[in-house]
PDB file of N, CA and C in Angstrom:
ATOM      1  N   MET A   1      -2.067 -11.916 -18.579  1.00  0.00           N
ATOM      2  CA  MET A   1      -2.533 -11.309 -17.340  1.00  0.00           C
ATOM      3  C   MET A   1      -3.979 -10.863 -17.503  1.00  0.00           C
ATOM      4  N   SER A   2      -4.686 -10.880 -16.407  1.00  0.00           N
ATOM      5  CA  SER A   2      -6.093 -10.509 -16.459  1.00  0.00           C
ATOM      6  C   SER A   2      -6.273  -8.998 -16.379  1.00  0.00           C
ATOM      7  N   GLU A   3      -7.406  -8.554 -16.864  1.00  0.00           N
ATOM      8  CA  GLU A   3      -7.728  -7.131 -16.817  1.00  0.00           C
ATOM      9  C   GLU A   3      -7.812  -6.652 -15.363  1.00  0.00           C
ATOM     10  N   PHE A   4      -8.353  -7.510 -14.483  1.00  0.00           N
ATOM     11  CA  PHE A   4      -8.447  -7.153 -13.069  1.00  0.00           C
ATOM     12  C   PHE A   4      -7.061  -6.960 -12.464  1.00  0.00           C
ATOM     13  N   SER A   5      -6.139  -7.877 -12.752  1.00  0.00           N
ATOM     14  CA  SER A   5      -4.774  -7.771 -12.222  1.00  0.00           C
ATOM     15  C   SER A   5      -4.077  -6.526 -12.731  1.00  0.00           C
ATOM     16  N   ASP A   6      -4.292  -6.219 -14.007  1.00  0.00           N
ATOM     17  CA  ASP A   6      -3.696  -5.006 -14.566  1.00  0.00           C
ATOM     18  C   ASP A   6      -4.274  -3.760 -13.902  1.00  0.00           C
ATOM     19  N   SER A   7      -5.577  -3.768 -13.665  1.00  0.00           N
ATOM     20  CA  SER A   7      -6.239  -2.635 -13.008  1.00  0.00           C
ATOM     21  C   SER A   7      -5.731  -2.471 -11.578  1.00  0.00           C
ATOM     22  N   LEU A   8      -5.579  -3.577 -10.881  1.00  0.00           N
ATOM     23  CA  LEU A   8      -5.069  -3.538  -9.513  1.00  0.00           C
ATOM     24  C   LEU A   8      -3.623  -3.049  -9.499  1.00  0.00           C
ATOM     25  N   SER A   9      -2.849  -3.471 -10.462  1.00  0.00           N
ATOM     26  CA  SER A   9      -1.469  -3.010 -10.582  1.00  0.00           C
ATOM     27  C   SER A   9      -1.428  -1.485 -10.737  1.00  0.00           C
ATOM     28  N   GLU A  10      -2.323  -0.949 -11.540  1.00  0.00           N
ATOM     29  CA  GLU A  10      -2.415   0.509 -11.715  1.00  0.00           C
ATOM     30  C   GLU A  10      -2.776   1.201 -10.410  1.00  0.00           C
ATOM     31  N   ARG A  11      -3.667   0.598  -9.641  1.00  0.00           N
ATOM     32  CA  ARG A  11      -4.049   1.183  -8.349  1.00  0.00           C
ATOM     33  C   ARG A  11      -2.859   1.230  -7.402  1.00  0.00           C
ATOM     34  N   PHE A  12      -2.070   0.170  -7.381  1.00  0.00           N
ATOM     35  CA  PHE A  12      -0.867   0.162  -6.538  1.00  0.00           C
ATOM     36  C   PHE A  12       0.110   1.239  -6.994  1.00  0.00           C
ATOM     37  N   LEU A  13       0.263   1.379  -8.284  1.00  0.00           N
ATOM     38  CA  LEU A  13       1.161   2.394  -8.824  1.00  0.00           C
ATOM     39  C   LEU A  13       0.681   3.798  -8.431  1.00  0.00           C
ATOM     40  N   ASN A  14      -0.603   4.063  -8.596  1.00  0.00           N
ATOM     41  CA  ASN A  14      -1.165   5.365  -8.234  1.00  0.00           C
ATOM     42  C   ASN A  14      -1.072   5.622  -6.735  1.00  0.00           C
ATOM     43  N   PHE A  15      -1.236   4.573  -5.944  1.00  0.00           N
ATOM     44  CA  PHE A  15      -1.093   4.687  -4.491  1.00  0.00           C
ATOM     45  C   PHE A  15       0.318   5.179  -4.160  1.00  0.00           C
ATOM     46  N   ALA A  16       1.317   4.567  -4.779  1.00  0.00           N
ATOM     47  CA  ALA A  16       2.709   4.962  -4.531  1.00  0.00           C
ATOM     48  C   ALA A  16       2.977   6.386  -5.018  1.00  0.00           C
ATOM     49  N   VAL A  17       2.468   6.726  -6.173  1.00  0.00           N
ATOM     50  CA  VAL A  17       2.673   8.075  -6.717  1.00  0.00           C
ATOM     51  C   VAL A  17       2.074   9.120  -5.779  1.00  0.00           C
ATOM     52  N   ASN A  18       0.885   8.848  -5.261  1.00  0.00           N
ATOM     53  CA  ASN A  18       0.240   9.802  -4.356  1.00  0.00           C
ATOM     54  C   ASN A  18       1.004   9.934  -3.036  1.00  0.00           C
ATOM     55  N   ILE A  19       1.627   8.872  -2.600  1.00  0.00           N
ATOM     56  CA  ILE A  19       2.483   8.949  -1.413  1.00  0.00           C
ATOM     57  C   ILE A  19       3.692   9.829  -1.717  1.00  0.00           C
ATOM     58  N   MET A  20       4.280   9.641  -2.878  1.00  0.00           N
ATOM     59  CA  MET A  20       5.459  10.414  -3.258  1.00  0.00           C
ATOM     60  C   MET A  20       5.156  11.920  -3.300  1.00  0.00           C
ATOM     61  N   LYS A  21       3.945  12.270  -3.630  1.00  0.00           N
ATOM     62  CA  LYS A  21       3.563  13.679  -3.715  1.00  0.00           C
ATOM     63  C   LYS A  21       3.511  14.367  -2.354  1.00  0.00           C
ATOM     64  N   LEU A  22       3.559  13.591  -1.269  1.00  0.00           N
ATOM     65  CA  LEU A  22       3.531  14.170   0.079  1.00  0.00           C
ATOM     66  C   LEU A  22       4.916  14.603   0.556  1.00  0.00           C
ATOM     67  N   ASP A  23       5.925  14.264  -0.186  1.00  0.00           N
ATOM     68  CA  ASP A  23       7.310  14.527   0.200  1.00  0.00           C
ATOM     69  C   ASP A  23       7.532  15.967   0.671  1.00  0.00           C
ATOM     70  N   ALA A  24       7.179  16.929  -0.149  1.00  0.00           N
ATOM     71  CA  ALA A  24       7.469  18.337   0.172  1.00  0.00           C
ATOM     72  C   ALA A  24       6.759  18.794   1.448  1.00  0.00           C
ATOM     73  N   GLN A  25       5.557  18.290   1.663  1.00  0.00           N
ATOM     74  CA  GLN A  25       4.796  18.725   2.834  1.00  0.00           C
ATOM     75  C   GLN A  25       5.296  18.070   4.122  1.00  0.00           C
ATOM     76  N   LEU A  26       5.714  16.831   4.036  1.00  0.00           N
ATOM     77  CA  LEU A  26       6.088  16.101   5.245  1.00  0.00           C
ATOM     78  C   LEU A  26       7.549  16.281   5.660  1.00  0.00           C
ATOM     79  N   CYS A  27       8.414  16.552   4.739  1.00  0.00           N
ATOM     80  CA  CYS A  27       9.845  16.538   5.045  1.00  0.00           C
ATOM     81  C   CYS A  27      10.373  17.853   5.600  1.00  0.00           C
ATOM     82  N   LYS A  28       9.513  18.659   6.154  1.00  0.00           N
ATOM     83  CA  LYS A  28       9.928  19.945   6.725  1.00  0.00           C
ATOM     84  C   LYS A  28      10.371  19.833   8.183  1.00  0.00           C
ATOM     85  N   THR A  29       9.989  18.756   8.854  1.00  0.00           N
ATOM     86  CA  THR A  29      10.353  18.559  10.256  1.00  0.00           C
ATOM     87  C   THR A  29      10.991  17.184  10.418  1.00  0.00           C
ATOM     88  N   TYR A  30      11.671  17.007  11.539  1.00  0.00           N
ATOM     89  CA  TYR A  30      12.297  15.708  11.809  1.00  0.00           C
ATOM     90  C   TYR A  30      11.248  14.594  11.851  1.00  0.00           C
ATOM     91  N   SER A  31      10.177  14.810  12.612  1.00  0.00           N
ATOM     92  CA  SER A  31       9.154  13.764  12.734  1.00  0.00           C
ATOM     93  C   SER A  31       8.482  13.524  11.391  1.00  0.00           C
ATOM     94  N   GLY A  32       8.242  14.576  10.644  1.00  0.00           N
ATOM     95  CA  GLY A  32       7.636  14.422   9.324  1.00  0.00           C
ATOM     96  C   GLY A  32       8.512  13.623   8.383  1.00  0.00           C
ATOM     97  N   ARG A  33       9.813  13.893   8.402  1.00  0.00           N
ATOM     98  CA  ARG A  33      10.758  13.143   7.558  1.00  0.00           C
ATOM     99  C   ARG A  33      10.769  11.668   7.937  1.00  0.00           C
ATOM    100  N   HIS A  34      10.783  11.414   9.244  1.00  0.00           N
ATOM    101  CA  HIS A  34      10.808  10.027   9.704  1.00  0.00           C
ATOM    102  C   HIS A  34       9.540   9.285   9.266  1.00  0.00           C
ATOM    103  N   ILE A  35       8.415   9.888   9.526  1.00  0.00           N
ATOM    104  CA  ILE A  35       7.134   9.247   9.183  1.00  0.00           C
ATOM    105  C   ILE A  35       7.008   9.093   7.674  1.00  0.00           C
ATOM    106  N   TYR A  36       7.400  10.123   6.926  1.00  0.00           N
ATOM    107  CA  TYR A  36       7.339  10.029   5.469  1.00  0.00           C
ATOM    108  C   TYR A  36       8.231   8.886   4.971  1.00  0.00           C
ATOM    109  N   GLY A  37       9.419   8.756   5.534  1.00  0.00           N
ATOM    110  CA  GLY A  37      10.311   7.670   5.122  1.00  0.00           C
ATOM    111  C   GLY A  37       9.681   6.304   5.338  1.00  0.00           C
ATOM    112  N   GLN A  38       9.032   6.145   6.484  1.00  0.00           N
ATOM    113  CA  GLN A  38       8.374   4.865   6.776  1.00  0.00           C
ATOM    114  C   GLN A  38       7.220   4.615   5.809  1.00  0.00           C
ATOM    115  N   LEU A  39       6.411   5.652   5.595  1.00  0.00           N
ATOM    116  CA  LEU A  39       5.276   5.530   4.672  1.00  0.00           C
ATOM    117  C   LEU A  39       5.766   5.273   3.253  1.00  0.00           C
ATOM    118  N   PHE A  40       6.795   5.986   2.860  1.00  0.00           N
ATOM    119  CA  PHE A  40       7.344   5.824   1.512  1.00  0.00           C
ATOM    120  C   PHE A  40       7.794   4.383   1.281  1.00  0.00           C
ATOM    121  N   ARG A  41       8.542   3.834   2.230  1.00  0.00           N
ATOM    122  CA  ARG A  41       9.036   2.460   2.082  1.00  0.00           C
ATOM    123  C   ARG A  41       7.887   1.451   2.020  1.00  0.00           C
ATOM    124  N   ALA A  42       6.947   1.576   2.947  1.00  0.00           N
ATOM    125  CA  ALA A  42       5.841   0.610   2.990  1.00  0.00           C
ATOM    126  C   ALA A  42       4.924   0.775   1.780  1.00  0.00           C
ATOM    127  N   GLY A  43       4.573   2.018   1.464  1.00  0.00           N
ATOM    128  CA  GLY A  43       3.615   2.266   0.390  1.00  0.00           C
ATOM    129  C   GLY A  43       4.131   1.906  -0.991  1.00  0.00           C
ATOM    130  N   THR A  44       5.400   2.153  -1.245  1.00  0.00           N
ATOM    131  CA  THR A  44       5.951   1.798  -2.552  1.00  0.00           C
ATOM    132  C   THR A  44       6.272   0.306  -2.620  1.00  0.00           C
ATOM    133  N   SER A  45       6.587  -0.286  -1.491  1.00  0.00           N
ATOM    134  CA  SER A  45       6.892  -1.710  -1.445  1.00  0.00           C
ATOM    135  C   SER A  45       5.663  -2.573  -1.727  1.00  0.00           C
ATOM    136  N   ALA A  46       4.501  -2.097  -1.322  1.00  0.00           N
ATOM    137  CA  ALA A  46       3.270  -2.873  -1.539  1.00  0.00           C
ATOM    138  C   ALA A  46       3.089  -3.174  -3.026  1.00  0.00           C
ATOM    139  N   GLY A  47       3.232  -2.169  -3.868  1.00  0.00           N
ATOM    140  CA  GLY A  47       3.069  -2.366  -5.301  1.00  0.00           C
ATOM    141  C   GLY A  47       4.150  -3.242  -5.906  1.00  0.00           C
ATOM    142  N   ALA A  48       5.379  -3.051  -5.458  1.00  0.00           N
ATOM    143  CA  ALA A  48       6.479  -3.876  -5.972  1.00  0.00           C
ATOM    144  C   ALA A  48       6.262  -5.344  -5.601  1.00  0.00           C
ATOM    145  N   ASN A  49       5.823  -5.585  -4.371  1.00  0.00           N
ATOM    146  CA  ASN A  49       5.553  -6.970  -3.960  1.00  0.00           C
ATOM    147  C   ASN A  49       4.358  -7.553  -4.701  1.00  0.00           C
ATOM    148  N   TYR A  50       3.375  -6.716  -5.027  1.00  0.00           N
ATOM    149  CA  TYR A  50       2.235  -7.203  -5.811  1.00  0.00           C
ATOM    150  C   TYR A  50       2.709  -7.673  -7.190  1.00  0.00           C
ATOM    151  N   GLU A  51       3.598  -6.888  -7.802  1.00  0.00           N
ATOM    152  CA  GLU A  51       4.133  -7.293  -9.113  1.00  0.00           C
ATOM    153  C   GLU A  51       4.902  -8.608  -9.000  1.00  0.00           C
ATOM    154  N   GLU A  52       5.639  -8.774  -7.907  1.00  0.00           N
ATOM    155  CA  GLU A  52       6.345 -10.041  -7.681  1.00  0.00           C
ATOM    156  C   GLU A  52       5.357 -11.191  -7.503  1.00  0.00           C
ATOM    157  N   ALA A  53       4.274 -10.936  -6.790  1.00  0.00           N
ATOM    158  CA  ALA A  53       3.268 -11.976  -6.572  1.00  0.00           C
ATOM    159  C   ALA A  53       2.631 -12.407  -7.890  1.00  0.00           C
ATOM    160  N   ARG A  54       2.399 -11.437  -8.760  1.00  0.00           N
ATOM    161  CA  ARG A  54       1.801 -11.753 -10.065  1.00  0.00           C
ATOM    162  C   ARG A  54       2.673 -12.725 -10.849  1.00  0.00           C
ATOM    163  N   ALA A  55       3.960 -12.680 -10.606  1.00  0.00           N
ATOM    164  CA  ALA A  55       4.899 -13.560 -11.312  1.00  0.00           C
ATOM    165  C   ALA A  55       5.335 -14.720 -10.420  1.00  0.00           C
ATOM    166  N   GLY A  56       4.541 -15.016  -9.397  1.00  0.00           N
ATOM    167  CA  GLY A  56       4.899 -16.071  -8.457  1.00  0.00           C
ATOM    168  C   GLY A  56       5.198 -17.397  -9.139  1.00  0.00           C
ATOM    169  N   GLU A  57       6.151 -18.102  -8.592  1.00  0.00           N
ATOM    170  CA  GLU A  57       6.577 -19.375  -9.163  1.00  0.00           C
ATOM    171  C   GLU A  57       5.643 -20.525  -8.810  1.00  0.00           C
ATOM    172  N   SER A  58       4.867 -20.334  -7.758  1.00  0.00           N
ATOM    173  CA  SER A  58       3.925 -21.369  -7.324  1.00  0.00           C
ATOM    174  C   SER A  58       2.816 -20.685  -6.547  1.00  0.00           C
ATOM    175  N   ARG A  59       1.786 -21.449  -6.215  1.00  0.00           N
ATOM    176  CA  ARG A  59       0.702 -20.889  -5.408  1.00  0.00           C
ATOM    177  C   ARG A  59       1.232 -20.464  -4.040  1.00  0.00           C
ATOM    178  N   ALA A  60       2.117 -21.267  -3.462  1.00  0.00           N
ATOM    179  CA  ALA A  60       2.698 -20.922  -2.155  1.00  0.00           C
ATOM    180  C   ALA A  60       3.503 -19.623  -2.253  1.00  0.00           C
ATOM    181  N   ASP A  61       4.248 -19.453  -3.337  1.00  0.00           N
ATOM    182  CA  ASP A  61       5.017 -18.227  -3.542  1.00  0.00           C
ATOM    183  C   ASP A  61       4.074 -17.034  -3.699  1.00  0.00           C
ATOM    184  N   PHE A  62       2.998 -17.221  -4.462  1.00  0.00           N
ATOM    185  CA  PHE A  62       1.998 -16.162  -4.631  1.00  0.00           C
ATOM    186  C   PHE A  62       1.408 -15.763  -3.282  1.00  0.00           C
ATOM    187  N   ILE A  63       1.022 -16.742  -2.482  1.00  0.00           N
ATOM    188  CA  ILE A  63       0.426 -16.473  -1.169  1.00  0.00           C
ATOM    189  C   ILE A  63       1.410 -15.720  -0.280  1.00  0.00           C
ATOM    190  N   HIS A  64       2.637 -16.185  -0.246  1.00  0.00           N
ATOM    191  CA  HIS A  64       3.663 -15.538   0.586  1.00  0.00           C
ATOM    192  C   HIS A  64       3.842 -14.070   0.184  1.00  0.00           C
ATOM    193  N   LYS A  65       3.972 -13.823  -1.096  1.00  0.00           N
ATOM    194  CA  LYS A  65       4.198 -12.447  -1.551  1.00  0.00           C
ATOM    195  C   LYS A  65       2.966 -11.567  -1.338  1.00  0.00           C
ATOM    196  N   MET A  66       1.787 -12.133  -1.498  1.00  0.00           N
ATOM    197  CA  MET A  66       0.565 -11.351  -1.250  1.00  0.00           C
ATOM    198  C   MET A  66       0.426 -11.036   0.240  1.00  0.00           C
ATOM    199  N   GLN A  67       0.897 -11.929   1.097  1.00  0.00           N
ATOM    200  CA  GLN A  67       0.888 -11.632   2.530  1.00  0.00           C
ATOM    201  C   GLN A  67       1.848 -10.484   2.846  1.00  0.00           C
ATOM    202  N   LEU A  68       2.960 -10.406   2.124  1.00  0.00           N
ATOM    203  CA  LEU A  68       3.875  -9.269   2.275  1.00  0.00           C
ATOM    204  C   LEU A  68       3.191  -7.974   1.834  1.00  0.00           C
ATOM    205  N   VAL A  69       2.452  -8.046   0.731  1.00  0.00           N
ATOM    206  CA  VAL A  69       1.697  -6.877   0.256  1.00  0.00           C
ATOM    207  C   VAL A  69       0.749  -6.412   1.350  1.00  0.00           C
ATOM    208  N   LEU A  70       0.041  -7.345   1.943  1.00  0.00           N
ATOM    209  CA  LEU A  70      -0.927  -7.020   2.996  1.00  0.00           C
ATOM    210  C   LEU A  70      -0.239  -6.364   4.190  1.00  0.00           C
ATOM    211  N   LYS A  71       0.898  -6.882   4.593  1.00  0.00           N
ATOM    212  CA  LYS A  71       1.646  -6.284   5.710  1.00  0.00           C
ATOM    213  C   LYS A  71       2.050  -4.853   5.390  1.00  0.00           C
ATOM    214  N   GLU A  72       2.539  -4.615   4.185  1.00  0.00           N
ATOM    215  CA  GLU A  72       2.968  -3.271   3.795  1.00  0.00           C
ATOM    216  C   GLU A  72       1.782  -2.308   3.735  1.00  0.00           C
ATOM    217  N   LEU A  73       0.635  -2.795   3.277  1.00  0.00           N
ATOM    218  CA  LEU A  73      -0.562  -1.944   3.231  1.00  0.00           C
ATOM    219  C   LEU A  73      -1.039  -1.591   4.629  1.00  0.00           C
ATOM    220  N   ARG A  74      -0.987  -2.554   5.523  1.00  0.00           N
ATOM    221  CA  ARG A  74      -1.389  -2.267   6.913  1.00  0.00           C
ATOM    222  C   ARG A  74      -0.450  -1.246   7.550  1.00  0.00           C
ATOM    223  N   GLU A  75       0.837  -1.388   7.275  1.00  0.00           N
ATOM    224  CA  GLU A  75       1.787  -0.422   7.809  1.00  0.00           C
ATOM    225  C   GLU A  75       1.535   0.962   7.205  1.00  0.00           C
ATOM    226  N   SER A  76       1.307   1.009   5.900  1.00  0.00           N
ATOM    227  CA  SER A  76       1.008   2.287   5.241  1.00  0.00           C
ATOM    228  C   SER A  76      -0.212   2.936   5.866  1.00  0.00           C
ATOM    229  N   HIS A  77      -1.228   2.133   6.097  1.00  0.00           N
ATOM    230  CA  HIS A  77      -2.464   2.638   6.705  1.00  0.00           C
ATOM    231  C   HIS A  77      -2.169   3.282   8.060  1.00  0.00           C
ATOM    232  N   TYR A  78      -1.343   2.641   8.858  1.00  0.00           N
ATOM    233  CA  TYR A  78      -0.967   3.186  10.163  1.00  0.00           C
ATOM    234  C   TYR A  78      -0.301   4.553  10.016  1.00  0.00           C
ATOM    235  N   TRP A  79       0.696   4.650   9.110  1.00  0.00           N
ATOM    236  CA  TRP A  79       1.423   5.903   8.956  1.00  0.00           C
ATOM    237  C   TRP A  79       0.515   7.018   8.445  1.00  0.00           C
ATOM    238  N   ILE A  80      -0.391   6.685   7.548  1.00  0.00           N
ATOM    239  CA  ILE A  80      -1.337   7.691   7.036  1.00  0.00           C
ATOM    240  C   ILE A  80      -2.242   8.175   8.160  1.00  0.00           C
ATOM    241  N   LYS A  81      -2.741   7.235   8.979  1.00  0.00           N
ATOM    242  CA  LYS A  81      -3.573   7.630  10.126  1.00  0.00           C
ATOM    243  C   LYS A  81      -2.791   8.516  11.085  1.00  0.00           C
ATOM    244  N   LEU A  82      -1.521   8.212  11.298  1.00  0.00           N
ATOM    245  CA  LEU A  82      -0.686   9.012  12.180  1.00  0.00           C
ATOM    246  C   LEU A  82      -0.508  10.435  11.631  1.00  0.00           C
ATOM    247  N   ILE A  83      -0.304  10.541  10.337  1.00  0.00           N
ATOM    248  CA  ILE A  83      -0.174  11.860   9.713  1.00  0.00           C
ATOM    249  C   ILE A  83      -1.459  12.665   9.895  1.00  0.00           C
ATOM    250  N   ILE A  84      -2.587  12.030   9.673  1.00  0.00           N
ATOM    251  CA  ILE A  84      -3.876  12.714   9.804  1.00  0.00           C
ATOM    252  C   ILE A  84      -4.127  13.106  11.258  1.00  0.00           C
ATOM    253  N   THR A  85      -3.937  12.164  12.172  1.00  0.00           N
ATOM    254  CA  THR A  85      -4.217  12.406  13.589  1.00  0.00           C
ATOM    255  C   THR A  85      -3.307  13.478  14.178  1.00  0.00           C
ATOM    256  N   SER A  86      -2.041  13.466  13.785  1.00  0.00           N
ATOM    257  CA  SER A  86      -1.094  14.441  14.325  1.00  0.00           C
ATOM    258  C   SER A  86      -1.148  15.781  13.596  1.00  0.00           C
ATOM    259  N   LYS A  87      -1.913  15.814  12.511  1.00  0.00           N
ATOM    260  CA  LYS A  87      -2.051  17.035  11.704  1.00  0.00           C
ATOM    261  C   LYS A  87      -0.696  17.534  11.176  1.00  0.00           C
ATOM    262  N   LEU A  88       0.169  16.589  10.827  1.00  0.00           N
ATOM    263  CA  LEU A  88       1.459  16.952  10.231  1.00  0.00           C
ATOM    264  C   LEU A  88       1.268  17.652   8.887  1.00  0.00           C
ATOM    265  N   VAL A  89       0.212  17.265   8.174  1.00  0.00           N
ATOM    266  CA  VAL A  89      -0.117  17.894   6.898  1.00  0.00           C
ATOM    267  C   VAL A  89      -1.535  18.422   7.003  1.00  0.00           C
ATOM    268  N   THR A  90      -1.700  19.695   6.785  1.00  0.00           N
ATOM    269  CA  THR A  90      -3.048  20.278   6.872  1.00  0.00           C
ATOM    270  C   THR A  90      -3.547  20.780   5.519  1.00  0.00           C
ATOM    271  N   THR A  91      -2.675  20.812   4.525  1.00  0.00           N
ATOM    272  CA  THR A  91      -3.071  21.362   3.231  1.00  0.00           C
ATOM    273  C   THR A  91      -3.533  20.312   2.231  1.00  0.00           C
ATOM    274  N   HIS A  92      -3.304  19.057   2.494  1.00  0.00           N
ATOM    275  CA  HIS A  92      -3.652  17.996   1.542  1.00  0.00           C
ATOM    276  C   HIS A  92      -4.582  16.963   2.184  1.00  0.00           C
ATOM    277  N   GLU A  93      -5.588  17.439   2.866  1.00  0.00           N
ATOM    278  CA  GLU A  93      -6.492  16.545   3.587  1.00  0.00           C
ATOM    279  C   GLU A  93      -7.192  15.554   2.663  1.00  0.00           C
ATOM    280  N   GLU A  94      -7.633  16.018   1.492  1.00  0.00           N
ATOM    281  CA  GLU A  94      -8.323  15.122   0.552  1.00  0.00           C
ATOM    282  C   GLU A  94      -7.393  14.023   0.048  1.00  0.00           C
ATOM    283  N   ALA A  95      -6.151  14.381  -0.227  1.00  0.00           N
ATOM    284  CA  ALA A  95      -5.180  13.388  -0.685  1.00  0.00           C
ATOM    285  C   ALA A  95      -4.937  12.341   0.395  1.00  0.00           C
ATOM    286  N   LEU A  96      -4.864  12.787   1.644  1.00  0.00           N
ATOM    287  CA  LEU A  96      -4.659  11.850   2.752  1.00  0.00           C
ATOM    288  C   LEU A  96      -5.875  10.954   2.951  1.00  0.00           C
ATOM    289  N   LYS A  97      -7.060  11.521   2.829  1.00  0.00           N
ATOM    290  CA  LYS A  97      -8.284  10.712   2.947  1.00  0.00           C
ATOM    291  C   LYS A  97      -8.339   9.667   1.835  1.00  0.00           C
ATOM    292  N   PHE A  98      -7.944  10.073   0.629  1.00  0.00           N
ATOM    293  CA  PHE A  98      -7.891   9.129  -0.492  1.00  0.00           C
ATOM    294  C   PHE A  98      -6.923   7.996  -0.175  1.00  0.00           C
ATOM    295  N   LEU A  99      -5.722   8.349   0.302  1.00  0.00           N
ATOM    296  CA  LEU A  99      -4.725   7.327   0.623  1.00  0.00           C
ATOM    297  C   LEU A  99      -5.215   6.393   1.724  1.00  0.00           C
ATOM    298  N   LEU A 100      -5.901   6.946   2.714  1.00  0.00           N
ATOM    299  CA  LEU A 100      -6.425   6.118   3.799  1.00  0.00           C
ATOM    300  C   LEU A 100      -7.459   5.128   3.263  1.00  0.00           C
ATOM    301  N   ARG A 101      -8.386   5.628   2.447  1.00  0.00           N
ATOM    302  CA  ARG A 101      -9.409   4.765   1.839  1.00  0.00           C
ATOM    303  C   ARG A 101      -8.772   3.723   0.929  1.00  0.00           C
ATOM    304  N   GLU A 102      -7.842   4.184   0.111  1.00  0.00           N
ATOM    305  CA  GLU A 102      -7.209   3.278  -0.846  1.00  0.00           C
ATOM    306  C   GLU A 102      -6.411   2.189  -0.133  1.00  0.00           C
ATOM    307  N   SER A 103      -5.740   2.529   0.956  1.00  0.00           N
ATOM    308  CA  SER A 103      -4.990   1.507   1.695  1.00  0.00           C
ATOM    309  C   SER A 103      -5.935   0.448   2.247  1.00  0.00           C
ATOM    310  N   MET A 104      -7.109   0.872   2.707  1.00  0.00           N
ATOM    311  CA  MET A 104      -8.095  -0.090   3.235  1.00  0.00           C
ATOM    312  C   MET A 104      -8.666  -0.952   2.113  1.00  0.00           C
ATOM    313  N   GLU A 105      -8.999  -0.329   0.991  1.00  0.00           N
ATOM    314  CA  GLU A 105      -9.567  -1.088  -0.120  1.00  0.00           C
ATOM    315  C   GLU A 105      -8.557  -2.078  -0.697  1.00  0.00           C
ATOM    316  N   LEU A 106      -7.331  -1.617  -0.905  1.00  0.00           N
ATOM    317  CA  LEU A 106      -6.298  -2.513  -1.434  1.00  0.00           C
ATOM    318  C   LEU A 106      -6.015  -3.654  -0.455  1.00  0.00           C
ATOM    319  N   ALA A 107      -6.024  -3.360   0.839  1.00  0.00           N
ATOM    320  CA  ALA A 107      -5.818  -4.414   1.844  1.00  0.00           C
ATOM    321  C   ALA A 107      -6.958  -5.428   1.798  1.00  0.00           C
ATOM    322  N   GLY A 108      -8.177  -4.949   1.639  1.00  0.00           N
ATOM    323  CA  GLY A 108      -9.325  -5.859   1.550  1.00  0.00           C
ATOM    324  C   GLY A 108      -9.233  -6.768   0.339  1.00  0.00           C
ATOM    325  N   ILE A 109      -8.874  -6.209  -0.798  1.00  0.00           N
ATOM    326  CA  ILE A 109      -8.718  -7.003  -2.025  1.00  0.00           C
ATOM    327  C   ILE A 109      -7.590  -8.012  -1.860  1.00  0.00           C
ATOM    328  N   THR A 110      -6.496  -7.564  -1.289  1.00  0.00           N
ATOM    329  CA  THR A 110      -5.336  -8.436  -1.093  1.00  0.00           C
ATOM    330  C   THR A 110      -5.668  -9.576  -0.131  1.00  0.00           C
ATOM    331  N   ALA A 111      -6.323  -9.250   0.974  1.00  0.00           N
ATOM    332  CA  ALA A 111      -6.692 -10.287   1.954  1.00  0.00           C
ATOM    333  C   ALA A 111      -7.605 -11.328   1.314  1.00  0.00           C
ATOM    334  N   LYS A 112      -8.559 -10.878   0.515  1.00  0.00           N
ATOM    335  CA  LYS A 112      -9.472 -11.809  -0.164  1.00  0.00           C
ATOM    336  C   LYS A 112      -8.699 -12.688  -1.145  1.00  0.00           C
ATOM    337  N   SER A 113      -7.727 -12.120  -1.843  1.00  0.00           N
ATOM    338  CA  SER A 113      -6.908 -12.906  -2.764  1.00  0.00           C
ATOM    339  C   SER A 113      -6.121 -13.977  -2.033  1.00  0.00           C
ATOM    340  N   VAL A 114      -5.596 -13.617  -0.872  1.00  0.00           N
ATOM    341  CA  VAL A 114      -4.839 -14.590  -0.069  1.00  0.00           C
ATOM    342  C   VAL A 114      -5.772 -15.718   0.374  1.00  0.00           C
ATOM    343  N   LEU A 115      -6.935 -15.358   0.882  1.00  0.00           N
ATOM    344  CA  LEU A 115      -7.900 -16.384   1.323  1.00  0.00           C
ATOM    345  C   LEU A 115      -8.327 -17.291   0.189  1.00  0.00           C
ATOM    346  N   THR A 116      -8.586 -16.710  -0.980  1.00  0.00           N
ATOM    347  CA  THR A 116      -8.985 -17.498  -2.144  1.00  0.00           C
ATOM    348  C   THR A 116      -7.855 -18.444  -2.558  1.00  0.00           C
ATOM    349  N   ALA A 117      -6.645 -17.927  -2.617  1.00  0.00           N
ATOM    350  CA  ALA A 117      -5.507 -18.760  -3.005  1.00  0.00           C
ATOM    351  C   ALA A 117      -5.273 -19.891  -1.998  1.00  0.00           C
ATOM    352  N   LYS A 118      -5.438 -19.575  -0.707  1.00  0.00           N
ATOM    353  CA  LYS A 118      -5.271 -20.603   0.325  1.00  0.00           C
ATOM    354  C   LYS A 118      -6.345 -21.680   0.216  1.00  0.00           C
ATOM    355  N   SER A 119      -7.562 -21.279  -0.073  1.00  0.00           N
ATOM    356  CA  SER A 119      -8.651 -22.272  -0.169  1.00  0.00           C
ATOM    357  C   SER A 119      -8.467 -23.186  -1.379  1.00  0.00           C
ATOM    358  N   LYS A 120      -7.894 -22.679  -2.442  1.00  0.00           N
ATOM    359  CA  LYS A 120      -7.619 -23.485  -3.623  1.00  0.00           C
ATOM    360  C   LYS A 120      -6.441 -24.418  -3.412  1.00  0.00           C
ATOM    361  N   LYS A 121      -5.558 -24.034  -2.494  1.00  0.00           N
ATOM    362  CA  LYS A 121      -4.355 -24.803  -2.201  1.00  0.00           C
ATOM    363  C   LYS A 121      -4.716 -26.104  -1.485  1.00  0.00           C
ATOM    364  N   GLU A 122      -5.724 -26.026  -0.638  1.00  0.00           N
ATOM    365  CA  GLU A 122      -6.056 -27.180   0.202  1.00  0.00           C
ATOM    366  C   GLU A 122      -6.873 -28.211  -0.507  1.00  0.00           C
TER     367      GLU A 122
END
């Protein structure tokens, strides 16, 4: 495995860990629990799908799994924006800003990987 892939894997792991740390703050209300559940599923799934993509059986399998990663990151980004906009969490603003930035950066890297893999496929 490449150093870049290992570094990206760590970023996905840290992204999920930082989402998990929001549990106590978000799960105090019904809407917070619902939104946290959605964010938790999407945010932790992105990293798991990235690990699956790294072990892809073919270029097509890699592309498919990376597209799943991208979908999960976009969904995570939405839920994070919703948390910020609705002010469900007011004590961890920096953590939320980090997650918002990280979701955008990881999505950009993932999208570029998909495009690169697709161009090599043709």
